[in-house]
């Protein structure tokens, strides 16, 4: 069974969740199963011009963050807090905090994008660095959400083209080649 982790919490949170996942696999009955598999889901936008990334990438990050807040508001909108099951209390508390934001001192969408660790948004080189960060944690696959919110069809196609021309070949070059008989 594989683990799917969202990047919006950053690499430290992904590492914590991966440790829980691996521990659960290790202690599961019949733990002689397949090796752990880890995938990352992340919002993505790629453009070769850093100025375009700074403007449009920040807009898309802002939209994504606000949608996470709106999701948190809606999930618990008509729910009586007294009836939240004990094993959901942590989710409830997290979502209530998220729904009430943004808070003073919280990073702006621009700062989140510039940090480059929570979303795969940037130039091809930036996207490679982002993915290598998570690869070092044990992530083997990435699911890129590039058709998010206000992203235009042409922007999505442009992101996919840049991934096909620059990002994917970078990682393919790192794969060991099978010996030719």
N, C-alpha and C. Protein backbone atom coordinates (compact mmCIF):
# COMPACT_ATOMS: atom_id res chain seq x y z
N UNK A 1 0.85 -1.17 0.00
CA UNK A 1 0.00 0.00 0.00
C UNK A 1 0.90 1.23 0.00
N UNK A 2 0.60 2.17 -0.87
CA UNK A 2 1.39 3.38 -0.97
C UNK A 2 0.83 4.51 -0.14
N UNK A 3 1.66 5.50 0.07
CA UNK A 3 1.25 6.70 0.78
C UNK A 3 1.22 7.87 -0.17
N UNK A 4 0.19 8.69 -0.06
CA UNK A 4 0.06 9.90 -0.87
C UNK A 4 0.08 11.08 0.09
N UNK A 5 1.01 12.01 -0.15
CA UNK A 5 1.23 13.12 0.77
C UNK A 5 1.07 14.44 0.02
N UNK A 6 0.40 15.39 0.65
CA UNK A 6 0.24 16.72 0.08
C UNK A 6 1.42 17.60 0.46
N UNK A 7 1.89 18.40 -0.47
CA UNK A 7 3.07 19.23 -0.23
C UNK A 7 2.78 20.52 0.52
N UNK A 8 1.52 20.91 0.67
CA UNK A 8 1.22 22.22 1.23
C UNK A 8 1.70 22.40 2.67
N UNK A 9 1.96 21.31 3.37
CA UNK A 9 2.50 21.41 4.72
C UNK A 9 4.01 21.57 4.75
N UNK A 10 4.64 21.40 3.60
CA UNK A 10 6.09 21.53 3.50
C UNK A 10 6.80 20.22 3.78
N UNK A 11 8.11 20.20 3.55
CA UNK A 11 8.87 18.96 3.68
C UNK A 11 8.91 18.40 5.10
N UNK A 12 8.92 19.24 6.12
CA UNK A 12 8.94 18.72 7.49
C UNK A 12 7.67 17.94 7.79
N UNK A 13 6.53 18.47 7.36
CA UNK A 13 5.25 17.78 7.61
C UNK A 13 5.18 16.49 6.79
N UNK A 14 5.63 16.54 5.55
CA UNK A 14 5.63 15.33 4.73
C UNK A 14 6.52 14.27 5.36
N UNK A 15 7.67 14.67 5.87
CA UNK A 15 8.58 13.72 6.52
C UNK A 15 7.92 13.09 7.75
N UNK A 16 7.19 13.89 8.55
CA UNK A 16 6.48 13.36 9.71
C UNK A 16 5.44 12.33 9.29
N UNK A 17 4.66 12.67 8.27
CA UNK A 17 3.61 11.77 7.82
C UNK A 17 4.19 10.50 7.20
N UNK A 18 5.29 10.63 6.48
CA UNK A 18 5.93 9.45 5.91
C UNK A 18 6.44 8.53 7.01
N UNK A 19 6.94 9.09 8.10
CA UNK A 19 7.40 8.27 9.23
C UNK A 19 6.23 7.50 9.84
N UNK A 20 5.08 8.15 9.98
CA UNK A 20 3.89 7.47 10.49
C UNK A 20 3.47 6.34 9.56
N UNK A 21 3.50 6.61 8.26
CA UNK A 21 3.13 5.63 7.25
C UNK A 21 4.07 4.42 7.32
N UNK A 22 5.37 4.67 7.35
CA UNK A 22 6.34 3.57 7.39
C UNK A 22 6.21 2.77 8.69
N UNK A 23 5.96 3.47 9.79
CA UNK A 23 5.79 2.78 11.07
C UNK A 23 4.54 1.90 11.03
N UNK A 24 3.47 2.41 10.46
CA UNK A 24 2.24 1.62 10.35
C UNK A 24 2.47 0.38 9.49
N UNK A 25 3.21 0.52 8.41
CA UNK A 25 3.51 -0.65 7.57
C UNK A 25 4.36 -1.66 8.33
N UNK A 26 5.32 -1.15 9.09
CA UNK A 26 6.25 -2.02 9.82
C UNK A 26 5.53 -2.82 10.90
N UNK A 27 4.53 -2.23 11.51
CA UNK A 27 3.84 -2.89 12.62
C UNK A 27 2.55 -3.59 12.19
N UNK A 28 2.20 -3.52 10.92
CA UNK A 28 0.98 -4.16 10.43
C UNK A 28 1.14 -5.67 10.43
N UNK A 29 0.03 -6.38 10.65
CA UNK A 29 0.10 -7.84 10.56
C UNK A 29 0.57 -8.25 9.16
N UNK A 30 1.40 -9.25 9.11
CA UNK A 30 1.90 -9.72 7.81
C UNK A 30 2.78 -8.68 7.16
N UNK A 31 3.65 -8.06 7.94
CA UNK A 31 4.43 -6.93 7.45
C UNK A 31 5.51 -7.30 6.44
N UNK A 32 5.44 -8.48 5.89
CA UNK A 32 6.42 -8.87 4.88
C UNK A 32 5.98 -8.47 3.48
N UNK A 33 5.05 -7.53 3.38
CA UNK A 33 4.51 -7.12 2.09
C UNK A 33 5.49 -6.28 1.29
N UNK A 34 4.98 -5.64 0.27
CA UNK A 34 5.84 -4.84 -0.61
C UNK A 34 6.47 -3.66 0.13
N UNK A 35 7.55 -3.17 -0.43
CA UNK A 35 8.25 -2.03 0.15
C UNK A 35 7.34 -0.80 0.10
N UNK A 36 7.55 0.12 1.04
CA UNK A 36 6.75 1.35 1.04
C UNK A 36 6.92 2.13 -0.27
N UNK A 37 5.84 2.74 -0.69
CA UNK A 37 5.85 3.60 -1.88
C UNK A 37 5.28 4.95 -1.47
N UNK A 38 5.90 6.02 -1.94
CA UNK A 38 5.45 7.35 -1.54
C UNK A 38 5.27 8.24 -2.76
N UNK A 39 4.13 8.92 -2.80
CA UNK A 39 3.84 9.87 -3.87
C UNK A 39 3.48 11.22 -3.24
N UNK A 40 3.75 12.26 -3.99
CA UNK A 40 3.49 13.62 -3.54
C UNK A 40 2.47 14.27 -4.46
N UNK A 41 1.49 14.92 -3.87
CA UNK A 41 0.52 15.69 -4.64
C UNK A 41 0.82 17.17 -4.38
N UNK A 42 0.96 17.94 -5.46
CA UNK A 42 1.32 19.34 -5.30
C UNK A 42 0.71 20.19 -6.41
N UNK A 43 0.35 21.41 -6.05
CA UNK A 43 -0.05 22.37 -7.08
C UNK A 43 1.20 22.72 -7.87
N UNK A 44 1.06 22.87 -9.18
CA UNK A 44 2.23 23.14 -9.99
C UNK A 44 1.98 24.17 -11.07
N UNK A 45 3.02 24.94 -11.31
CA UNK A 45 3.01 25.94 -12.39
C UNK A 45 4.47 26.15 -12.77
N UNK A 46 4.74 26.08 -14.07
CA UNK A 46 6.11 26.22 -14.53
C UNK A 46 6.16 27.19 -15.71
N UNK A 47 7.10 28.11 -15.64
CA UNK A 47 7.33 29.05 -16.74
C UNK A 47 8.80 29.39 -16.75
N UNK A 48 9.34 29.59 -17.94
CA UNK A 48 10.77 29.87 -18.03
C UNK A 48 11.15 31.29 -17.63
N UNK A 49 10.19 32.20 -17.58
CA UNK A 49 10.46 33.59 -17.21
C UNK A 49 10.19 33.80 -15.72
N UNK A 50 11.23 34.08 -14.93
CA UNK A 50 11.04 34.27 -13.49
C UNK A 50 10.06 35.40 -13.15
N UNK A 51 9.95 36.41 -14.02
CA UNK A 51 9.00 37.50 -13.76
C UNK A 51 7.57 37.01 -13.89
N UNK A 52 7.32 36.14 -14.85
CA UNK A 52 5.98 35.57 -15.01
C UNK A 52 5.67 34.66 -13.82
N UNK A 53 6.65 33.88 -13.40
CA UNK A 53 6.48 33.02 -12.23
C UNK A 53 6.14 33.87 -11.00
N UNK A 54 6.87 34.98 -10.83
CA UNK A 54 6.65 35.84 -9.66
C UNK A 54 5.21 36.36 -9.62
N UNK A 55 4.70 36.75 -10.78
CA UNK A 55 3.34 37.30 -10.80
C UNK A 55 2.28 36.21 -10.85
N UNK A 56 2.30 35.40 -11.90
CA UNK A 56 1.24 34.41 -12.09
C UNK A 56 1.35 33.26 -11.09
N UNK A 57 2.57 32.83 -10.82
CA UNK A 57 2.75 31.76 -9.84
C UNK A 57 2.23 32.16 -8.47
N UNK A 58 2.48 33.40 -8.08
CA UNK A 58 1.98 33.89 -6.79
C UNK A 58 0.46 33.93 -6.79
N UNK A 59 -0.15 34.36 -7.88
CA UNK A 59 -1.62 34.39 -7.98
C UNK A 59 -2.20 32.98 -7.79
N UNK A 60 -1.58 31.99 -8.43
CA UNK A 60 -2.09 30.63 -8.34
C UNK A 60 -1.88 30.05 -6.94
N UNK A 61 -0.75 30.35 -6.31
CA UNK A 61 -0.52 29.91 -4.93
C UNK A 61 -1.56 30.55 -4.01
N UNK A 62 -1.82 31.85 -4.19
CA UNK A 62 -2.82 32.54 -3.36
C UNK A 62 -4.19 31.90 -3.52
N UNK A 63 -4.57 31.58 -4.76
CA UNK A 63 -5.85 30.93 -5.00
C UNK A 63 -5.92 29.59 -4.29
N UNK A 64 -4.87 28.79 -4.41
CA UNK A 64 -4.85 27.46 -3.82
C UNK A 64 -4.96 27.55 -2.29
N UNK A 65 -4.21 28.45 -1.68
CA UNK A 65 -4.26 28.60 -0.22
C UNK A 65 -5.66 29.02 0.22
N UNK A 66 -6.26 29.96 -0.50
CA UNK A 66 -7.61 30.40 -0.13
C UNK A 66 -8.62 29.28 -0.32
N UNK A 67 -8.45 28.44 -1.32
CA UNK A 67 -9.36 27.31 -1.51
C UNK A 67 -9.23 26.31 -0.37
N UNK A 68 -8.03 26.13 0.15
CA UNK A 68 -7.85 25.26 1.31
C UNK A 68 -8.61 25.82 2.52
N UNK A 69 -8.54 27.14 2.69
CA UNK A 69 -9.29 27.78 3.79
C UNK A 69 -10.81 27.60 3.59
N UNK A 70 -11.24 27.82 2.36
CA UNK A 70 -12.68 27.68 2.07
C UNK A 70 -13.14 26.25 2.28
N UNK A 71 -12.32 25.28 1.89
CA UNK A 71 -12.67 23.87 2.12
C UNK A 71 -12.83 23.62 3.61
N UNK A 72 -11.90 24.15 4.41
CA UNK A 72 -11.97 23.96 5.86
C UNK A 72 -13.24 24.59 6.44
N UNK A 73 -13.63 25.75 5.91
CA UNK A 73 -14.86 26.41 6.38
C UNK A 73 -16.09 25.56 6.05
N UNK A 74 -16.12 25.04 4.83
CA UNK A 74 -17.30 24.31 4.36
C UNK A 74 -17.42 22.92 4.98
N UNK A 75 -16.32 22.23 5.19
CA UNK A 75 -16.37 20.87 5.72
C UNK A 75 -17.08 20.83 7.06
N UNK A 76 -16.80 21.80 7.89
CA UNK A 76 -17.34 21.79 9.26
C UNK A 76 -18.46 22.81 9.47
N UNK A 77 -18.94 23.42 8.41
CA UNK A 77 -19.91 24.52 8.50
C UNK A 77 -21.12 24.20 9.38
N UNK A 78 -21.76 23.10 9.18
CA UNK A 78 -22.99 22.76 9.91
C UNK A 78 -22.76 21.68 10.95
N UNK A 79 -21.52 21.51 11.36
CA UNK A 79 -21.18 20.42 12.29
C UNK A 79 -21.11 20.95 13.71
N UNK A 80 -21.76 20.26 14.62
CA UNK A 80 -21.71 20.61 16.04
C UNK A 80 -20.37 20.14 16.60
N UNK A 81 -19.53 21.07 17.09
CA UNK A 81 -18.20 20.68 17.60
C UNK A 81 -18.27 19.63 18.72
N UNK A 82 -19.36 19.59 19.45
CA UNK A 82 -19.49 18.63 20.55
C UNK A 82 -19.62 17.19 20.04
N UNK A 83 -19.95 17.04 18.75
CA UNK A 83 -20.15 15.69 18.22
C UNK A 83 -18.99 15.22 17.33
N UNK A 84 -17.91 15.98 17.29
CA UNK A 84 -16.75 15.56 16.49
C UNK A 84 -16.13 14.34 17.18
N UNK A 85 -16.02 13.22 16.46
CA UNK A 85 -15.44 12.02 17.08
C UNK A 85 -14.02 12.27 17.58
N UNK A 86 -13.62 11.59 18.61
CA UNK A 86 -12.29 11.80 19.19
C UNK A 86 -11.15 11.68 18.17
N UNK A 87 -11.25 10.72 17.26
CA UNK A 87 -10.16 10.55 16.30
C UNK A 87 -10.18 11.60 15.19
N UNK A 88 -11.16 12.50 15.20
CA UNK A 88 -11.21 13.60 14.24
C UNK A 88 -10.95 14.96 14.89
N UNK A 89 -10.73 14.98 16.20
CA UNK A 89 -10.51 16.24 16.90
C UNK A 89 -9.31 17.01 16.33
N UNK A 90 -8.26 16.30 16.00
CA UNK A 90 -7.08 16.96 15.43
C UNK A 90 -7.39 17.61 14.09
N UNK A 91 -8.14 16.89 13.24
CA UNK A 91 -8.53 17.46 11.94
C UNK A 91 -9.42 18.69 12.14
N UNK A 92 -10.35 18.56 13.09
CA UNK A 92 -11.26 19.66 13.36
C UNK A 92 -10.49 20.90 13.82
N UNK A 93 -9.58 20.72 14.77
CA UNK A 93 -8.80 21.85 15.28
C UNK A 93 -7.95 22.46 14.16
N UNK A 94 -7.32 21.61 13.36
CA UNK A 94 -6.49 22.12 12.26
C UNK A 94 -7.33 22.93 11.28
N UNK A 95 -8.48 22.39 10.92
CA UNK A 95 -9.33 23.08 9.95
C UNK A 95 -9.92 24.37 10.51
N UNK A 96 -10.25 24.38 11.79
CA UNK A 96 -10.78 25.61 12.39
C UNK A 96 -9.73 26.71 12.36
N UNK A 97 -8.49 26.34 12.65
CA UNK A 97 -7.40 27.32 12.58
C UNK A 97 -7.21 27.80 11.14
N UNK A 98 -7.17 26.87 10.20
CA UNK A 98 -6.99 27.22 8.79
C UNK A 98 -8.12 28.13 8.31
N UNK A 99 -9.35 27.79 8.66
CA UNK A 99 -10.52 28.56 8.22
C UNK A 99 -10.49 29.99 8.73
N UNK A 100 -9.89 30.22 9.89
CA UNK A 100 -9.85 31.55 10.48
C UNK A 100 -8.75 32.45 9.94
N UNK A 101 -7.87 31.90 9.13
CA UNK A 101 -6.72 32.68 8.63
C UNK A 101 -7.09 33.57 7.47
N UNK A 102 -6.15 34.29 6.97
CA UNK A 102 -4.74 34.34 7.36
C UNK A 102 -4.53 35.12 8.65
N UNK A 103 -3.45 34.79 9.33
CA UNK A 103 -3.12 35.39 10.61
C UNK A 103 -1.91 36.31 10.48
N UNK A 104 -1.81 37.30 11.37
CA UNK A 104 -0.61 38.16 11.36
C UNK A 104 0.65 37.31 11.51
N UNK A 105 1.64 37.63 10.71
CA UNK A 105 2.90 36.89 10.76
C UNK A 105 2.94 35.65 9.89
N UNK A 106 1.78 35.24 9.37
CA UNK A 106 1.73 34.08 8.48
C UNK A 106 2.34 34.47 7.13
N UNK A 107 3.08 33.58 6.50
CA UNK A 107 3.69 33.94 5.22
C UNK A 107 2.63 34.30 4.17
N UNK A 108 2.93 35.29 3.37
CA UNK A 108 2.05 35.67 2.27
C UNK A 108 2.20 34.64 1.15
N UNK A 109 1.25 34.60 0.22
CA UNK A 109 1.42 33.69 -0.93
C UNK A 109 2.74 33.93 -1.67
N UNK A 110 3.15 35.19 -1.78
CA UNK A 110 4.43 35.48 -2.44
C UNK A 110 5.58 34.84 -1.66
N UNK A 111 5.56 34.98 -0.35
CA UNK A 111 6.63 34.39 0.47
C UNK A 111 6.63 32.87 0.38
N UNK A 112 5.44 32.27 0.34
CA UNK A 112 5.33 30.82 0.19
C UNK A 112 5.94 30.40 -1.14
N UNK A 113 5.59 31.12 -2.21
CA UNK A 113 6.14 30.78 -3.52
C UNK A 113 7.65 30.96 -3.55
N UNK A 114 8.13 32.05 -2.99
CA UNK A 114 9.58 32.31 -3.00
C UNK A 114 10.35 31.28 -2.19
N UNK A 115 9.76 30.79 -1.10
CA UNK A 115 10.41 29.76 -0.29
C UNK A 115 10.63 28.49 -1.12
N UNK A 116 9.66 28.17 -1.97
CA UNK A 116 9.82 27.07 -2.91
C UNK A 116 9.77 25.68 -2.34
N UNK A 117 9.12 25.48 -1.18
CA UNK A 117 9.08 24.14 -0.58
C UNK A 117 7.67 23.56 -0.41
N UNK A 118 6.64 24.35 -0.68
CA UNK A 118 5.28 23.87 -0.45
C UNK A 118 4.49 23.63 -1.72
N UNK A 119 4.90 24.24 -2.81
CA UNK A 119 4.24 24.06 -4.09
C UNK A 119 5.29 24.03 -5.19
N UNK A 120 5.04 23.26 -6.20
CA UNK A 120 5.98 23.14 -7.32
C UNK A 120 5.67 24.25 -8.32
N UNK A 121 6.12 25.44 -7.99
CA UNK A 121 5.84 26.64 -8.77
C UNK A 121 7.16 27.36 -9.04
N UNK A 122 7.50 27.52 -10.32
CA UNK A 122 8.73 28.23 -10.63
C UNK A 122 9.20 27.95 -12.04
N UNK A 123 10.46 28.27 -12.27
CA UNK A 123 11.10 27.96 -13.55
C UNK A 123 11.37 26.45 -13.57
N UNK A 124 11.75 25.90 -14.72
CA UNK A 124 12.09 24.47 -14.73
C UNK A 124 13.14 24.12 -13.67
N UNK A 125 14.15 24.95 -13.49
CA UNK A 125 15.17 24.68 -12.46
C UNK A 125 14.57 24.70 -11.06
N UNK A 126 13.67 25.65 -10.81
CA UNK A 126 12.99 25.71 -9.51
C UNK A 126 12.17 24.43 -9.27
N UNK A 127 11.47 23.99 -10.30
CA UNK A 127 10.64 22.79 -10.16
C UNK A 127 11.50 21.55 -9.92
N UNK A 128 12.65 21.48 -10.57
CA UNK A 128 13.58 20.37 -10.33
C UNK A 128 14.06 20.40 -8.88
N UNK A 129 14.45 21.56 -8.38
CA UNK A 129 14.90 21.68 -6.99
C UNK A 129 13.80 21.24 -6.02
N UNK A 130 12.57 21.69 -6.29
CA UNK A 130 11.43 21.32 -5.44
C UNK A 130 11.28 19.80 -5.40
N UNK A 131 11.26 19.17 -6.56
CA UNK A 131 11.06 17.72 -6.60
C UNK A 131 12.24 16.96 -6.00
N UNK A 132 13.44 17.47 -6.18
CA UNK A 132 14.61 16.82 -5.57
C UNK A 132 14.55 16.89 -4.04
N UNK A 133 13.99 17.96 -3.51
CA UNK A 133 13.82 18.09 -2.07
C UNK A 133 12.97 16.94 -1.53
N UNK A 134 11.87 16.65 -2.22
CA UNK A 134 10.98 15.58 -1.78
C UNK A 134 11.52 14.20 -2.16
N UNK A 135 12.25 14.12 -3.24
CA UNK A 135 12.89 12.87 -3.61
C UNK A 135 13.85 12.44 -2.50
N UNK A 136 14.56 13.39 -1.92
CA UNK A 136 15.50 13.09 -0.84
C UNK A 136 14.78 12.54 0.40
N UNK A 137 13.50 12.84 0.54
CA UNK A 137 12.71 12.31 1.66
C UNK A 137 12.17 10.91 1.38
N UNK A 138 12.29 10.46 0.14
CA UNK A 138 11.79 9.14 -0.23
C UNK A 138 10.58 9.16 -1.15
N UNK A 139 10.17 10.33 -1.60
CA UNK A 139 9.06 10.42 -2.54
C UNK A 139 9.53 9.91 -3.91
N UNK A 140 8.74 9.02 -4.49
CA UNK A 140 9.11 8.39 -5.76
C UNK A 140 8.31 8.89 -6.95
N UNK A 141 7.15 9.44 -6.67
CA UNK A 141 6.27 9.91 -7.74
C UNK A 141 5.66 11.24 -7.31
N UNK A 142 5.30 12.05 -8.30
CA UNK A 142 4.63 13.33 -8.02
C UNK A 142 3.39 13.44 -8.90
N UNK A 143 2.34 13.91 -8.29
CA UNK A 143 1.10 14.19 -9.00
C UNK A 143 0.99 15.71 -9.04
N UNK A 144 1.10 16.26 -10.22
CA UNK A 144 1.12 17.70 -10.40
C UNK A 144 -0.28 18.21 -10.71
N UNK A 145 -0.80 19.06 -9.84
CA UNK A 145 -2.11 19.67 -10.04
C UNK A 145 -1.88 21.01 -10.72
N UNK A 146 -1.87 21.02 -12.04
CA UNK A 146 -1.55 22.26 -12.73
C UNK A 146 -2.78 22.93 -13.34
N UNK A 147 -3.91 22.28 -13.31
CA UNK A 147 -5.15 22.89 -13.80
C UNK A 147 -5.95 23.37 -12.60
N UNK A 148 -5.33 24.22 -11.78
CA UNK A 148 -6.00 24.70 -10.57
C UNK A 148 -6.64 26.07 -10.81
N UNK A 149 -7.85 26.20 -10.28
CA UNK A 149 -8.54 27.48 -10.26
C UNK A 149 -8.43 28.31 -11.51
N UNK A 150 -7.80 29.48 -11.39
CA UNK A 150 -7.76 30.41 -12.51
C UNK A 150 -6.73 30.08 -13.59
N UNK A 151 -6.02 28.96 -13.47
CA UNK A 151 -5.03 28.61 -14.49
C UNK A 151 -5.73 28.43 -15.84
N UNK A 152 -5.21 29.09 -16.85
CA UNK A 152 -5.76 29.00 -18.20
C UNK A 152 -5.25 27.73 -18.88
N UNK A 153 -6.03 27.24 -19.83
CA UNK A 153 -5.67 26.03 -20.57
C UNK A 153 -4.26 26.14 -21.16
N UNK A 154 -3.95 27.28 -21.74
CA UNK A 154 -2.63 27.48 -22.35
C UNK A 154 -1.52 27.41 -21.30
N UNK A 155 -1.80 27.92 -20.09
CA UNK A 155 -0.80 27.86 -19.02
C UNK A 155 -0.54 26.42 -18.58
N UNK A 156 -1.61 25.65 -18.51
CA UNK A 156 -1.48 24.24 -18.14
C UNK A 156 -0.65 23.51 -19.19
N UNK A 157 -0.97 23.73 -20.46
CA UNK A 157 -0.20 23.09 -21.53
C UNK A 157 1.26 23.53 -21.51
N UNK A 158 1.50 24.79 -21.21
CA UNK A 158 2.86 25.31 -21.15
C UNK A 158 3.64 24.63 -20.01
N UNK A 159 3.00 24.50 -18.86
CA UNK A 159 3.61 23.80 -17.72
C UNK A 159 3.95 22.37 -18.10
N UNK A 160 3.00 21.68 -18.71
CA UNK A 160 3.24 20.28 -19.10
C UNK A 160 4.37 20.17 -20.13
N UNK A 161 4.42 21.11 -21.06
CA UNK A 161 5.48 21.09 -22.06
C UNK A 161 6.84 21.28 -21.41
N UNK A 162 6.95 22.24 -20.48
CA UNK A 162 8.22 22.47 -19.80
C UNK A 162 8.62 21.27 -18.95
N UNK A 163 7.66 20.63 -18.34
CA UNK A 163 7.98 19.41 -17.59
C UNK A 163 8.50 18.33 -18.53
N UNK A 164 7.85 18.21 -19.68
CA UNK A 164 8.29 17.21 -20.65
C UNK A 164 9.65 17.51 -21.26
N UNK A 165 9.97 18.77 -21.42
CA UNK A 165 11.24 19.15 -22.05
C UNK A 165 12.40 19.25 -21.06
N UNK A 166 12.12 19.63 -19.81
CA UNK A 166 13.21 19.92 -18.87
C UNK A 166 13.18 19.09 -17.59
N UNK A 167 12.03 19.04 -16.94
CA UNK A 167 11.97 18.43 -15.61
C UNK A 167 12.04 16.91 -15.69
N UNK A 168 11.20 16.30 -16.47
CA UNK A 168 11.20 14.84 -16.57
C UNK A 168 12.53 14.31 -17.10
N UNK A 169 13.09 14.89 -18.17
CA UNK A 169 14.40 14.40 -18.62
C UNK A 169 15.49 14.49 -17.55
N UNK A 170 15.42 15.50 -16.70
CA UNK A 170 16.40 15.62 -15.61
C UNK A 170 16.36 14.38 -14.72
N UNK A 171 15.15 13.95 -14.37
CA UNK A 171 15.02 12.80 -13.49
C UNK A 171 15.27 11.49 -14.23
N UNK A 172 14.89 11.43 -15.50
CA UNK A 172 15.19 10.23 -16.28
C UNK A 172 16.69 10.02 -16.41
N UNK A 173 17.45 11.08 -16.52
CA UNK A 173 18.91 10.96 -16.65
C UNK A 173 19.53 10.40 -15.38
N UNK A 174 18.86 10.52 -14.26
CA UNK A 174 19.38 10.02 -12.99
C UNK A 174 19.07 8.53 -12.80
N UNK A 175 18.12 7.98 -13.56
CA UNK A 175 17.73 6.57 -13.40
C UNK A 175 18.84 5.66 -13.92
N UNK A 176 19.09 4.58 -13.20
CA UNK A 176 20.08 3.63 -13.71
C UNK A 176 19.57 2.96 -14.99
N UNK A 177 20.42 2.84 -15.93
CA UNK A 177 20.06 2.21 -17.21
C UNK A 177 20.24 0.71 -17.12
N UNK A 178 19.29 -0.02 -17.69
CA UNK A 178 19.41 -1.49 -17.72
C UNK A 178 20.54 -1.87 -18.65
N UNK A 179 21.28 -2.87 -18.24
CA UNK A 179 22.40 -3.34 -19.08
C UNK A 179 21.84 -3.99 -20.33
N UNK A 180 22.47 -3.66 -21.46
CA UNK A 180 22.06 -4.24 -22.74
C UNK A 180 22.77 -5.58 -22.89
N UNK A 181 22.00 -6.62 -23.18
CA UNK A 181 22.59 -7.97 -23.31
C UNK A 181 23.33 -8.15 -24.58
